[in-house]
Amino acid sequence: MIIPINEVSPDALSSLIEGFVLREGTEYGEADCSLTDKVEQVRAQLSSGEALLVYSELHETVNIIPKDQLGLIDEETE
């Protein structure tokens, strides 16, 4: 289930994004990206719709995924 970001409190959204970034890491090739920079990049992707907040009823978790991967996740759970 997709969760609209405007239905999540600002503090909760920040926590979700920071948790996601910390799990994914901040090393991107030759140039490292600071936690703050990566959080802002993910926030921008969520705001633009490039990434989505998705709740998994099966796992009872919320994750951030690229919009183009949503179909793949739906197919895997069927």
N, C-alpha and C. Protein backbone atom coordinates (compact mmCIF):
# COMPACT_ATOMS: atom_id res chain seq x y z
N MET A 1 0.84 -1.16 0.00
CA MET A 1 0.00 0.00 0.00
C MET A 1 0.90 1.24 0.00
N ILE A 2 0.61 2.17 -0.89
CA ILE A 2 1.39 3.41 -0.97
C ILE A 2 0.85 4.39 0.07
N ILE A 3 1.76 5.01 0.81
CA ILE A 3 1.39 5.99 1.82
C ILE A 3 1.74 7.37 1.28
N PRO A 4 0.75 8.25 1.08
CA PRO A 4 1.06 9.61 0.64
C PRO A 4 1.91 10.33 1.70
N ILE A 5 2.98 10.99 1.27
CA ILE A 5 3.88 11.60 2.24
C ILE A 5 3.22 12.74 3.01
N ASN A 6 2.17 13.35 2.44
CA ASN A 6 1.49 14.42 3.15
C ASN A 6 0.60 13.90 4.28
N GLU A 7 0.46 12.57 4.38
CA GLU A 7 -0.32 11.97 5.46
C GLU A 7 0.56 11.47 6.60
N VAL A 8 1.86 11.76 6.51
CA VAL A 8 2.82 11.36 7.53
C VAL A 8 3.34 12.62 8.20
N SER A 9 3.44 12.62 9.51
CA SER A 9 3.94 13.81 10.21
C SER A 9 5.38 14.10 9.75
N PRO A 10 5.78 15.37 9.78
CA PRO A 10 7.15 15.72 9.38
C PRO A 10 8.22 14.96 10.17
N ASP A 11 8.01 14.79 11.47
CA ASP A 11 8.99 14.06 12.28
C ASP A 11 9.06 12.59 11.88
N ALA A 12 7.91 11.98 11.66
CA ALA A 12 7.88 10.57 11.27
C ALA A 12 8.52 10.39 9.89
N LEU A 13 8.24 11.31 8.97
CA LEU A 13 8.82 11.22 7.64
C LEU A 13 10.34 11.35 7.71
N SER A 14 10.82 12.29 8.51
CA SER A 14 12.27 12.45 8.67
C SER A 14 12.91 11.19 9.23
N SER A 15 12.25 10.58 10.20
CA SER A 15 12.78 9.34 10.80
C SER A 15 12.80 8.20 9.78
N LEU A 16 11.74 8.09 8.99
CA LEU A 16 11.70 7.05 7.96
C LEU A 16 12.81 7.24 6.94
N ILE A 17 13.00 8.49 6.50
CA ILE A 17 14.04 8.77 5.51
C ILE A 17 15.43 8.50 6.09
N GLU A 18 15.68 8.98 7.30
CA GLU A 18 16.99 8.77 7.91
C GLU A 18 17.27 7.28 8.11
N GLY A 19 16.29 6.53 8.55
CA GLY A 19 16.46 5.09 8.70
C GLY A 19 16.77 4.41 7.38
N PHE A 20 16.08 4.81 6.34
CA PHE A 20 16.32 4.27 5.01
C PHE A 20 17.74 4.58 4.54
N VAL A 21 18.16 5.83 4.69
CA VAL A 21 19.49 6.24 4.26
C VAL A 21 20.57 5.49 5.04
N LEU A 22 20.37 5.35 6.33
CA LEU A 22 21.36 4.65 7.14
C LEU A 22 21.48 3.17 6.75
N ARG A 23 20.36 2.56 6.37
CA ARG A 23 20.40 1.16 5.91
C ARG A 23 21.10 1.06 4.56
N GLU A 24 20.84 2.04 3.69
CA GLU A 24 21.39 2.01 2.33
C GLU A 24 22.83 2.48 2.28
N GLY A 25 23.24 3.33 3.22
CA GLY A 25 24.60 3.86 3.23
C GLY A 25 24.70 5.18 2.48
N THR A 26 25.84 5.83 2.62
CA THR A 26 26.03 7.13 1.98
C THR A 26 27.24 7.14 1.05
N GLU A 27 27.81 5.98 0.76
CA GLU A 27 28.94 5.91 -0.16
C GLU A 27 28.43 5.70 -1.57
N TYR A 28 28.80 6.60 -2.45
CA TYR A 28 28.34 6.53 -3.84
C TYR A 28 29.52 6.76 -4.76
N GLY A 29 30.31 5.73 -4.97
CA GLY A 29 31.44 5.83 -5.89
C GLY A 29 32.58 6.63 -5.31
N GLU A 30 33.17 7.48 -6.15
CA GLU A 30 34.35 8.23 -5.75
C GLU A 30 34.03 9.33 -4.74
N ALA A 31 32.84 9.87 -4.78
CA ALA A 31 32.48 10.97 -3.88
C ALA A 31 31.47 10.49 -2.85
N ASP A 32 31.84 10.57 -1.57
CA ASP A 32 30.89 10.23 -0.51
C ASP A 32 29.84 11.33 -0.41
N CYS A 33 28.69 10.94 0.06
CA CYS A 33 27.57 11.86 0.22
C CYS A 33 27.25 11.92 1.71
N SER A 34 27.12 13.11 2.26
CA SER A 34 26.82 13.22 3.70
C SER A 34 25.41 12.73 3.98
N LEU A 35 25.18 12.36 5.21
CA LEU A 35 23.85 11.91 5.63
C LEU A 35 22.81 12.98 5.34
N THR A 36 23.13 14.21 5.66
CA THR A 36 22.19 15.32 5.43
C THR A 36 21.87 15.46 3.95
N ASP A 37 22.90 15.39 3.11
CA ASP A 37 22.68 15.52 1.67
C ASP A 37 21.81 14.38 1.14
N LYS A 38 22.11 13.17 1.57
CA LYS A 38 21.35 12.02 1.09
C LYS A 38 19.90 12.07 1.58
N VAL A 39 19.68 12.50 2.81
CA VAL A 39 18.32 12.65 3.33
C VAL A 39 17.54 13.64 2.47
N GLU A 40 18.17 14.74 2.12
CA GLU A 40 17.50 15.74 1.28
C GLU A 40 17.23 15.21 -0.12
N GLN A 41 18.16 14.41 -0.66
CA GLN A 41 17.94 13.81 -1.98
C GLN A 41 16.74 12.87 -1.95
N VAL A 42 16.65 12.05 -0.92
CA VAL A 42 15.52 11.11 -0.80
C VAL A 42 14.23 11.87 -0.58
N ARG A 43 14.27 12.91 0.24
CA ARG A 43 13.07 13.74 0.47
C ARG A 43 12.58 14.34 -0.86
N ALA A 44 13.52 14.82 -1.67
CA ALA A 44 13.17 15.40 -2.98
C ALA A 44 12.56 14.34 -3.90
N GLN A 45 13.11 13.13 -3.86
CA GLN A 45 12.57 12.05 -4.68
C GLN A 45 11.15 11.67 -4.23
N LEU A 46 10.91 11.69 -2.94
CA LEU A 46 9.56 11.42 -2.43
C LEU A 46 8.60 12.54 -2.84
N SER A 47 9.06 13.77 -2.74
CA SER A 47 8.21 14.92 -3.10
C SER A 47 7.85 14.93 -4.58
N SER A 48 8.80 14.53 -5.42
CA SER A 48 8.57 14.54 -6.87
C SER A 48 7.82 13.30 -7.36
N GLY A 49 7.71 12.29 -6.50
CA GLY A 49 7.04 11.06 -6.91
C GLY A 49 7.98 10.02 -7.51
N GLU A 50 9.27 10.33 -7.59
CA GLU A 50 10.24 9.36 -8.11
C GLU A 50 10.39 8.17 -7.17
N ALA A 51 10.19 8.41 -5.87
CA ALA A 51 10.26 7.36 -4.86
C ALA A 51 8.94 7.40 -4.08
N LEU A 52 8.60 6.26 -3.49
CA LEU A 52 7.32 6.14 -2.79
C LEU A 52 7.52 5.52 -1.42
N LEU A 53 6.67 5.92 -0.47
CA LEU A 53 6.59 5.23 0.82
C LEU A 53 5.62 4.08 0.64
N VAL A 54 6.06 2.88 0.96
CA VAL A 54 5.22 1.71 0.76
C VAL A 54 5.13 0.92 2.06
N TYR A 55 3.90 0.63 2.46
CA TYR A 55 3.66 -0.19 3.65
C TYR A 55 3.43 -1.63 3.21
N SER A 56 4.16 -2.55 3.83
CA SER A 56 3.99 -3.97 3.56
C SER A 56 3.11 -4.56 4.66
N GLU A 57 1.91 -4.98 4.28
CA GLU A 57 1.02 -5.62 5.25
C GLU A 57 1.60 -6.95 5.70
N LEU A 58 2.27 -7.65 4.80
CA LEU A 58 2.85 -8.94 5.12
C LEU A 58 3.93 -8.82 6.20
N HIS A 59 4.81 -7.82 6.04
CA HIS A 59 5.93 -7.65 6.98
C HIS A 59 5.68 -6.57 8.04
N GLU A 60 4.57 -5.83 7.88
CA GLU A 60 4.21 -4.73 8.78
C GLU A 60 5.36 -3.73 8.89
N THR A 61 5.90 -3.33 7.73
CA THR A 61 7.00 -2.37 7.66
C THR A 61 6.69 -1.31 6.61
N VAL A 62 7.41 -0.19 6.74
CA VAL A 62 7.33 0.88 5.75
C VAL A 62 8.71 0.99 5.12
N ASN A 63 8.74 1.08 3.80
CA ASN A 63 10.01 1.22 3.11
C ASN A 63 9.87 2.29 2.03
N ILE A 64 11.00 2.74 1.55
CA ILE A 64 11.05 3.70 0.45
C ILE A 64 11.58 2.97 -0.75
N ILE A 65 10.84 3.03 -1.86
CA ILE A 65 11.27 2.36 -3.07
C ILE A 65 11.15 3.30 -4.26
N PRO A 66 11.99 3.09 -5.28
CA PRO A 66 11.82 3.85 -6.52
C PRO A 66 10.48 3.50 -7.14
N LYS A 67 9.82 4.48 -7.70
CA LYS A 67 8.49 4.27 -8.30
C LYS A 67 8.53 3.17 -9.36
N ASP A 68 9.61 3.11 -10.14
CA ASP A 68 9.67 2.13 -11.22
C ASP A 68 9.83 0.70 -10.72
N GLN A 69 10.11 0.49 -9.44
CA GLN A 69 10.20 -0.85 -8.87
C GLN A 69 8.89 -1.31 -8.25
N LEU A 70 7.91 -0.46 -8.19
CA LEU A 70 6.65 -0.82 -7.53
C LEU A 70 6.00 -2.03 -8.19
N GLY A 71 5.98 -2.09 -9.50
CA GLY A 71 5.39 -3.22 -10.20
C GLY A 71 6.09 -4.52 -9.91
N LEU A 72 7.41 -4.48 -9.77
CA LEU A 72 8.18 -5.69 -9.47
C LEU A 72 7.83 -6.22 -8.10
N ILE A 73 7.65 -5.35 -7.13
CA ILE A 73 7.29 -5.77 -5.77
C ILE A 73 5.91 -6.38 -5.75
N ASP A 74 4.95 -5.76 -6.45
CA ASP A 74 3.60 -6.30 -6.50
C ASP A 74 3.59 -7.69 -7.12
N GLU A 75 4.38 -7.89 -8.18
CA GLU A 75 4.43 -9.19 -8.84
C GLU A 75 5.04 -10.26 -7.93
N GLU A 76 6.03 -9.89 -7.13
CA GLU A 76 6.69 -10.85 -6.24
C GLU A 76 5.78 -11.31 -5.11
N THR A 77 4.85 -10.47 -4.68
CA THR A 77 3.98 -10.82 -3.55
C THR A 77 2.74 -11.57 -3.98
N GLU A 78 2.50 -11.69 -5.27
CA GLU A 78 1.30 -12.39 -5.74
C GLU A 78 1.56 -13.87 -5.89
